[in-house]
C-alpha atoms as a PDB file:
ATOM      1  CA  MET A   1      31.888 -41.979 161.977  1.00  0.00           C
ATOM      2  CA  PRO A   2      30.389 -38.695 163.261  1.00  0.00           C
ATOM      3  CA  PHE A   3      31.758 -35.368 162.036  1.00  0.00           C
ATOM      4  CA  LEU A   4      31.189 -32.116 163.931  1.00  0.00           C
ATOM      5  CA  GLU A   5      32.057 -28.729 162.475  1.00  0.00           C
ATOM      6  CA  LEU A   6      31.718 -25.747 164.800  1.00  0.00           C
ATOM      7  CA  GLU A   7      32.035 -22.334 163.196  1.00  0.00           C
ATOM      8  CA  THR A   8      31.911 -19.200 165.312  1.00  0.00           C
ATOM      9  CA  SER A   9      32.476 -15.488 165.078  1.00  0.00           C
ATOM     10  CA  LEU A  10      34.050 -15.593 168.545  1.00  0.00           C
ATOM     11  CA  PRO A  11      37.800 -15.052 168.463  1.00  0.00           C
ATOM     12  CA  ALA A  12      39.981 -18.008 169.431  1.00  0.00           C
ATOM     13  CA  GLY A  13      40.926 -16.269 172.689  1.00  0.00           C
ATOM     14  CA  ARG A  14      37.291 -16.359 173.848  1.00  0.00           C
ATOM     15  CA  LEU A  15      36.922 -20.097 173.344  1.00  0.00           C
ATOM     16  CA  PRO A  16      37.464 -22.317 176.361  1.00  0.00           C
ATOM     17  CA  PRO A  17      40.667 -24.382 176.316  1.00  0.00           C
ATOM     18  CA  GLY A  18      40.044 -27.924 175.160  1.00  0.00           C
ATOM     19  CA  LEU A  19      36.748 -27.073 173.417  1.00  0.00           C
ATOM     20  CA  ALA A  20      37.315 -29.516 170.554  1.00  0.00           C
ATOM     21  CA  GLN A  21      38.031 -32.367 172.986  1.00  0.00           C
ATOM     22  CA  GLU A  22      34.955 -31.489 175.063  1.00  0.00           C
ATOM     23  CA  LEU A  23      32.787 -31.452 171.940  1.00  0.00           C
ATOM     24  CA  CYS A  24      34.217 -34.837 170.987  1.00  0.00           C
ATOM     25  CA  ALA A  25      33.283 -36.311 174.373  1.00  0.00           C
ATOM     26  CA  ALA A  26      29.821 -34.705 174.274  1.00  0.00           C
ATOM     27  CA  ALA A  27      29.179 -35.999 170.743  1.00  0.00           C
ATOM     28  CA  ALA A  28      30.224 -39.511 171.732  1.00  0.00           C
ATOM     29  CA  ASP A  29      27.756 -39.420 174.621  1.00  0.00           C
ATOM     30  CA  ILE A  30      24.909 -37.775 172.677  1.00  0.00           C
ATOM     31  CA  LEU A  31      25.251 -39.930 169.570  1.00  0.00           C
ATOM     32  CA  GLY A  32      26.208 -43.158 171.327  1.00  0.00           C
ATOM     33  CA  LYS A  33      29.473 -43.570 169.420  1.00  0.00           C
ATOM     34  CA  PRO A  34      32.985 -44.160 170.787  1.00  0.00           C
ATOM     35  CA  ALA A  35      35.041 -40.959 171.064  1.00  0.00           C
ATOM     36  CA  GLU A  36      37.721 -42.651 168.952  1.00  0.00           C
ATOM     37  CA  ARG A  37      35.297 -42.513 165.993  1.00  0.00           C
ATOM     38  CA  VAL A  38      34.293 -38.826 166.392  1.00  0.00           C
ATOM     39  CA  ASN A  39      35.935 -36.053 164.340  1.00  0.00           C
ATOM     40  CA  VAL A  40      35.669 -32.413 165.450  1.00  0.00           C
ATOM     41  CA  THR A  41      36.724 -29.213 163.697  1.00  0.00           C
ATOM     42  CA  VAL A  42      36.484 -25.783 165.348  1.00  0.00           C
ATOM     43  CA  ARG A  43      36.803 -22.620 163.271  1.00  0.00           C
ATOM     44  CA  SER A  44      36.842 -19.312 165.145  1.00  0.00           C
ATOM     45  CA  GLY A  45      36.985 -15.623 164.301  1.00  0.00           C
ATOM     46  CA  LEU A  46      34.775 -15.967 161.218  1.00  0.00           C
ATOM     47  CA  PRO A  47      32.680 -13.143 159.812  1.00  0.00           C
ATOM     48  CA  MET A  48      29.148 -14.436 160.413  1.00  0.00           C
ATOM     49  CA  VAL A  49      25.551 -13.265 160.380  1.00  0.00           C
ATOM     50  CA  LEU A  50      22.852 -15.303 162.100  1.00  0.00           C
ATOM     51  CA  ALA A  51      19.187 -14.299 161.915  1.00  0.00           C
ATOM     52  CA  GLY A  52      20.161 -10.969 160.357  1.00  0.00           C
ATOM     53  CA  SER A  53      22.539 -10.002 163.181  1.00  0.00           C
ATOM     54  CA  ALA A  54      26.337  -9.884 163.259  1.00  0.00           C
ATOM     55  CA  GLU A  55      26.398 -10.206 167.065  1.00  0.00           C
ATOM     56  CA  PRO A  56      28.613 -13.085 168.297  1.00  0.00           C
ATOM     57  CA  CYS A  57      27.209 -16.407 167.144  1.00  0.00           C
ATOM     58  CA  ALA A  58      28.050 -19.993 166.284  1.00  0.00           C
ATOM     59  CA  GLN A  59      26.718 -22.789 164.139  1.00  0.00           C
ATOM     60  CA  LEU A  60      27.257 -26.512 164.483  1.00  0.00           C
ATOM     61  CA  LEU A  61      26.986 -29.057 161.693  1.00  0.00           C
ATOM     62  CA  VAL A  62      26.680 -32.675 162.830  1.00  0.00           C
ATOM     63  CA  SER A  63      26.965 -35.451 160.236  1.00  0.00           C
ATOM     64  CA  SER A  64      26.698 -39.109 161.157  1.00  0.00           C
ATOM     65  CA  ILE A  65      25.471 -42.065 159.157  1.00  0.00           C
ATOM     66  CA  GLY A  66      23.103 -44.336 161.019  1.00  0.00           C
ATOM     67  CA  VAL A  67      22.712 -42.131 164.084  1.00  0.00           C
ATOM     68  CA  VAL A  68      20.698 -39.165 162.916  1.00  0.00           C
ATOM     69  CA  GLY A  69      17.646 -39.476 160.770  1.00  0.00           C
ATOM     70  CA  SER A  70      14.188 -39.007 162.196  1.00  0.00           C
ATOM     71  CA  ALA A  71      12.941 -35.549 163.108  1.00  0.00           C
ATOM     72  CA  GLU A  72      12.493 -36.689 166.716  1.00  0.00           C
ATOM     73  CA  GLN A  73      16.064 -37.987 166.946  1.00  0.00           C
ATOM     74  CA  ASN A  74      17.421 -34.786 165.429  1.00  0.00           C
ATOM     75  CA  GLN A  75      15.443 -32.631 167.866  1.00  0.00           C
ATOM     76  CA  ARG A  76      16.770 -34.589 170.845  1.00  0.00           C
ATOM     77  CA  HIS A  77      20.348 -34.445 169.571  1.00  0.00           C
ATOM     78  CA  SER A  78      20.077 -30.741 168.740  1.00  0.00           C
ATOM     79  CA  ALA A  79      18.723 -29.888 172.185  1.00  0.00           C
ATOM     80  CA  ARG A  80      21.626 -31.642 173.886  1.00  0.00           C
ATOM     81  CA  PHE A  81      24.218 -29.998 171.607  1.00  0.00           C
ATOM     82  CA  PHE A  82      22.604 -26.602 172.289  1.00  0.00           C
ATOM     83  CA  ASP A  83      22.976 -27.217 176.038  1.00  0.00           C
ATOM     84  CA  VAL A  84      26.680 -27.980 175.605  1.00  0.00           C
ATOM     85  CA  LEU A  85      27.339 -24.988 173.346  1.00  0.00           C
ATOM     86  CA  THR A  86      25.435 -22.432 175.421  1.00  0.00           C
ATOM     87  CA  ALA A  87      27.377 -23.533 178.504  1.00  0.00           C
ATOM     88  CA  LYS A  88      30.784 -23.590 176.799  1.00  0.00           C
ATOM     89  CA  LEU A  89      30.501 -20.518 174.560  1.00  0.00           C
ATOM     90  CA  GLY A  90      28.389 -18.250 176.750  1.00  0.00           C
ATOM     91  CA  LEU A  91      25.984 -17.568 173.883  1.00  0.00           C
ATOM     92  CA  GLY A  92      22.210 -17.616 174.147  1.00  0.00           C
ATOM     93  CA  PRO A  93      20.287 -20.210 172.147  1.00  0.00           C
ATOM     94  CA  GLU A  94      19.112 -17.490 169.745  1.00  0.00           C
ATOM     95  CA  ARG A  95      22.757 -16.992 168.708  1.00  0.00           C
ATOM     96  CA  LEU A  96      23.310 -20.662 167.830  1.00  0.00           C
ATOM     97  CA  GLY A  97      22.503 -22.475 164.622  1.00  0.00           C
ATOM     98  CA  ASN A  98      22.525 -26.241 164.352  1.00  0.00           C
ATOM     99  CA  THR A  99      22.198 -28.705 161.502  1.00  0.00           C
ATOM    100  CA  VAL A 100      22.045 -32.439 162.107  1.00  0.00           C
ATOM    101  CA  ARG A 101      22.265 -34.686 159.050  1.00  0.00           C
END
């Protein structure tokens, strides 16, 4: 059962409507799991510093037993999640952090 936790300094009003549902669908596709098994939490408006800067940013934690593991798998998954987040949040890749475990 995959768990995604998105934390961002962006205020809730700057997040696209339905972001959690879109992340759920993206995770199901990326990880090869049914959407019914994916859990997503979005936390906005957090005080955050990424790479020494308090400019708007976000970080995504992805946890899933049996789907993530090898460095190659994690790199592929991370790249696809970065594509989704940069498109949806309007942040550059340098303002995104990602952990896959």
